[in-house]
Amino acid sequence: MRVSMMAFWQEGSEAISLNDVCKRAGVSRPSLYREFGGEDGLLAASLQKYFEVAFVPIFKTLESDEPFQVTLKNFTAKMTGDRADKAIPEGCLLVKMRSAVSQIGPETAKAINTVHAWKLNAYANWIDRCKKNGTLMSDTDTELLAAYIDAQMNLTMMRDARGDDRAMSREILRLALANLV
């Protein structure tokens, strides 16, 4: 599972073939079909694995009782941190899959929608908590704020995946989120 997740994350789901995944994982194509039912099932399972190993640990930051500004700073640092020392690809597998949504099957589309909804909910819970504890003074609708933060993070991940200057991406993100603090 990790092999397919890393391959799709690094190269994009539309750029790597099922045969390539089989070769890298050392499994036969029939075995892969028996386990996942085909490419759609493999993509969905890879996204679920990505969610578990990449999203959940980073999004735990949003569960902090720290003030909004501190949590935002810590969260964006984790999202935009240097990945070379961790040997993980740039960008975000979810963002990559969402941009290739017309080329994926229904199982993967459902997984994308589920993970994206989870992500928006995590942002919304954090925002509501910060509004209640007084560390975020905003009358803006919570769902709108969650979607705005998500959009800014997605743009940053897209820039990283393209190989844009990381320092510039961080500054653009900082500027985009500055109006929230």
Protein backbone atom coordinates (compact mmCIF):
# COMPACT_ATOMS: atom_id res chain seq x y z
CA MET A 1 0.00 0.00 0.00
CA ARG A 2 2.81 2.40 0.90
CA VAL A 3 4.44 1.82 -2.50
CA SER A 4 1.30 2.80 -4.41
CA MET A 5 0.61 5.75 -2.11
CA MET A 6 4.12 7.12 -2.59
CA ALA A 7 4.04 6.55 -6.36
CA PHE A 8 0.71 8.32 -6.79
CA TRP A 9 1.79 11.12 -4.43
CA GLN A 10 5.09 11.72 -6.15
CA GLU A 11 4.09 11.25 -9.77
CA GLY A 12 0.34 11.81 -9.79
CA SER A 13 -2.36 9.22 -10.29
CA GLU A 14 -2.68 10.06 -13.97
CA ALA A 15 1.07 9.71 -14.65
CA ILE A 16 1.72 6.22 -13.31
CA SER A 17 0.32 2.98 -14.67
CA LEU A 18 -1.01 0.02 -12.78
CA ASN A 19 1.82 -2.03 -14.28
CA ASP A 20 4.36 0.40 -12.82
CA VAL A 21 2.78 0.09 -9.37
CA CYS A 22 2.82 -3.71 -9.65
CA LYS A 23 6.52 -3.71 -10.61
CA ARG A 24 7.48 -1.37 -7.78
CA ALA A 25 5.46 -3.33 -5.23
CA GLY A 26 6.64 -6.70 -6.53
CA VAL A 27 3.10 -8.01 -7.04
CA SER A 28 1.28 -9.38 -10.03
CA ARG A 29 -1.53 -7.51 -11.70
CA PRO A 30 -4.03 -10.33 -10.92
CA SER A 31 -3.05 -10.13 -7.22
CA LEU A 32 -3.65 -6.40 -7.24
CA TYR A 33 -7.06 -6.90 -8.86
CA ARG A 34 -7.98 -9.57 -6.29
CA GLU A 35 -7.02 -7.27 -3.43
CA PHE A 36 -8.40 -3.94 -4.69
CA GLY A 37 -10.73 -4.78 -7.59
CA GLY A 38 -8.70 -2.66 -10.01
CA GLU A 39 -7.11 0.74 -10.34
CA ASP A 40 -10.05 2.62 -8.82
CA GLY A 41 -9.92 0.53 -5.65
CA LEU A 42 -6.14 0.89 -5.44
CA LEU A 43 -6.37 4.68 -5.79
CA ALA A 44 -9.05 4.86 -3.10
CA ALA A 45 -7.01 2.66 -0.74
CA SER A 46 -3.87 4.71 -1.44
CA LEU A 47 -5.73 7.90 -0.57
CA GLN A 48 -6.98 6.30 2.66
CA LYS A 49 -3.40 5.33 3.56
CA TYR A 50 -2.26 8.87 2.77
CA PHE A 51 -5.00 10.25 4.99
CA GLU A 52 -3.80 8.06 7.87
CA VAL A 53 -0.07 8.77 7.55
CA ALA A 54 -0.03 12.37 6.33
CA PHE A 55 -3.27 14.16 7.23
CA VAL A 56 -4.19 12.84 10.63
CA PRO A 57 -0.83 13.65 12.30
CA ILE A 58 -0.68 17.19 10.86
CA PHE A 59 -4.33 17.96 11.55
CA LYS A 60 -3.88 16.92 15.21
CA THR A 61 -2.27 20.37 15.50
CA LEU A 62 -5.72 21.93 15.09
CA GLU A 63 -6.89 20.16 18.27
CA SER A 64 -4.58 22.35 20.35
CA ASP A 65 -5.95 24.64 23.04
CA GLU A 66 -3.42 27.30 22.01
CA PRO A 67 -4.77 30.61 20.69
CA PHE A 68 -5.85 30.72 17.05
CA GLN A 69 -2.76 32.63 15.90
CA VAL A 70 -0.34 30.19 17.59
CA THR A 71 -2.14 27.12 16.24
CA LEU A 72 -2.32 28.63 12.75
CA LYS A 73 1.41 29.30 12.82
CA ASN A 74 2.20 25.75 14.01
CA PHE A 75 -0.18 24.19 11.50
CA THR A 76 1.15 26.12 8.52
CA ALA A 77 4.73 25.32 9.60
CA LYS A 78 3.91 21.61 9.55
CA MET A 79 2.07 21.85 6.24
CA THR A 80 4.87 23.78 4.55
CA GLY A 81 7.86 22.27 6.34
CA ASP A 82 10.90 20.89 4.60
CA ARG A 83 10.18 17.38 3.37
CA ALA A 84 13.61 16.40 2.09
CA ASP A 85 14.72 15.06 5.46
CA LYS A 86 11.53 12.96 5.69
CA ALA A 87 11.87 11.51 2.17
CA ILE A 88 8.29 12.38 1.25
CA PRO A 89 7.07 13.99 -1.97
CA GLU A 90 6.15 17.63 -2.35
CA GLY A 91 2.56 18.68 -2.57
CA CYS A 92 -0.52 16.83 -1.42
CA LEU A 93 -1.95 13.61 -2.82
CA LEU A 94 -5.51 14.77 -2.12
CA VAL A 95 -4.96 18.04 -4.00
CA LYS A 96 -3.40 16.13 -6.90
CA MET A 97 -6.29 13.67 -7.03
CA ARG A 98 -8.89 16.43 -6.81
CA SER A 99 -7.31 18.14 -9.82
CA ALA A 100 -7.49 14.88 -11.80
CA VAL A 101 -11.04 14.05 -10.72
CA SER A 102 -12.29 13.61 -14.29
CA GLN A 103 -9.83 10.72 -14.76
CA ILE A 104 -10.72 8.67 -11.69
CA GLY A 105 -13.39 6.13 -10.86
CA PRO A 106 -16.36 6.38 -8.53
CA GLU A 107 -14.67 4.67 -5.56
CA THR A 108 -11.77 7.11 -5.63
CA ALA A 109 -14.13 10.05 -6.16
CA LYS A 110 -16.05 8.99 -3.06
CA ALA A 111 -12.80 8.68 -1.07
CA ILE A 112 -11.70 12.14 -2.25
CA ASN A 113 -15.02 13.66 -1.16
CA THR A 114 -14.85 11.89 2.21
CA VAL A 115 -11.31 13.06 2.99
CA HIS A 116 -12.03 16.58 1.78
CA ALA A 117 -15.16 16.78 3.95
CA TRP A 118 -13.16 15.51 6.94
CA LYS A 119 -10.55 18.21 6.32
CA LEU A 120 -13.15 20.99 6.11
CA ASN A 121 -14.80 19.69 9.27
CA ALA A 122 -11.46 19.71 11.11
CA TYR A 123 -10.95 23.35 10.10
CA ALA A 124 -14.52 24.26 11.11
CA ASN A 125 -14.23 22.60 14.53
CA TRP A 126 -10.99 24.47 15.21
CA ILE A 127 -12.46 27.79 14.05
CA ASP A 128 -15.59 27.36 16.18
CA ARG A 129 -13.51 26.47 19.22
CA CYS A 130 -11.34 29.56 18.73
CA LYS A 131 -14.38 31.79 18.24
CA LYS A 132 -15.84 30.46 21.50
CA ASN A 133 -12.63 30.89 23.49
CA GLY A 134 -12.16 34.41 22.11
CA THR A 135 -8.88 33.84 20.27
CA LEU A 136 -10.55 34.36 16.87
CA MET A 137 -12.65 37.48 16.67
CA SER A 138 -14.58 37.07 13.44
CA ASP A 139 -18.20 37.34 12.38
CA THR A 140 -17.41 35.51 9.17
CA ASP A 141 -19.27 32.25 8.69
CA THR A 142 -17.27 29.28 9.97
CA GLU A 143 -17.75 27.21 6.81
CA LEU A 144 -16.56 30.12 4.70
CA LEU A 145 -13.44 30.53 6.85
CA ALA A 146 -12.78 26.78 6.70
CA ALA A 147 -13.11 26.80 2.90
CA TYR A 148 -10.84 29.86 2.67
CA ILE A 149 -8.10 28.28 4.79
CA ASP A 150 -8.44 25.05 2.82
CA ALA A 151 -8.14 26.90 -0.49
CA GLN A 152 -5.00 28.73 0.65
CA MET A 153 -3.41 25.49 1.88
CA ASN A 154 -4.32 23.75 -1.39
CA LEU A 155 -2.71 26.53 -3.43
CA THR A 156 0.44 26.23 -1.36
CA MET A 157 0.53 22.44 -1.86
CA MET A 158 0.03 22.91 -5.62
CA ARG A 159 2.92 25.39 -5.74
CA ASP A 160 5.11 22.95 -3.81
CA ALA A 161 4.20 20.08 -6.13
CA ARG A 162 5.17 22.23 -9.14
CA GLY A 163 8.55 22.93 -7.55
CA ASP A 164 7.92 26.64 -6.97
CA ASP A 165 10.17 28.43 -4.52
CA ARG A 166 9.21 27.15 -1.05
CA ALA A 167 10.07 30.39 0.74
CA MET A 168 7.91 32.36 -1.67
CA SER A 169 5.04 29.87 -1.21
CA ARG A 170 5.26 30.27 2.56
CA GLU A 171 5.18 34.06 2.28
CA ILE A 172 2.20 33.99 -0.06
CA LEU A 173 0.39 31.71 2.42
CA ARG A 174 1.35 33.97 5.34
CA LEU A 175 0.02 36.99 3.46
CA ALA A 176 -3.21 35.21 2.49
CA LEU A 177 -3.88 34.17 6.08
CA ALA A 178 -2.70 37.42 7.71
CA ASN A 179 -6.20 38.90 7.65
CA LEU A 180 -7.41 36.10 9.95
CA VAL A 181 -5.12 36.96 12.87
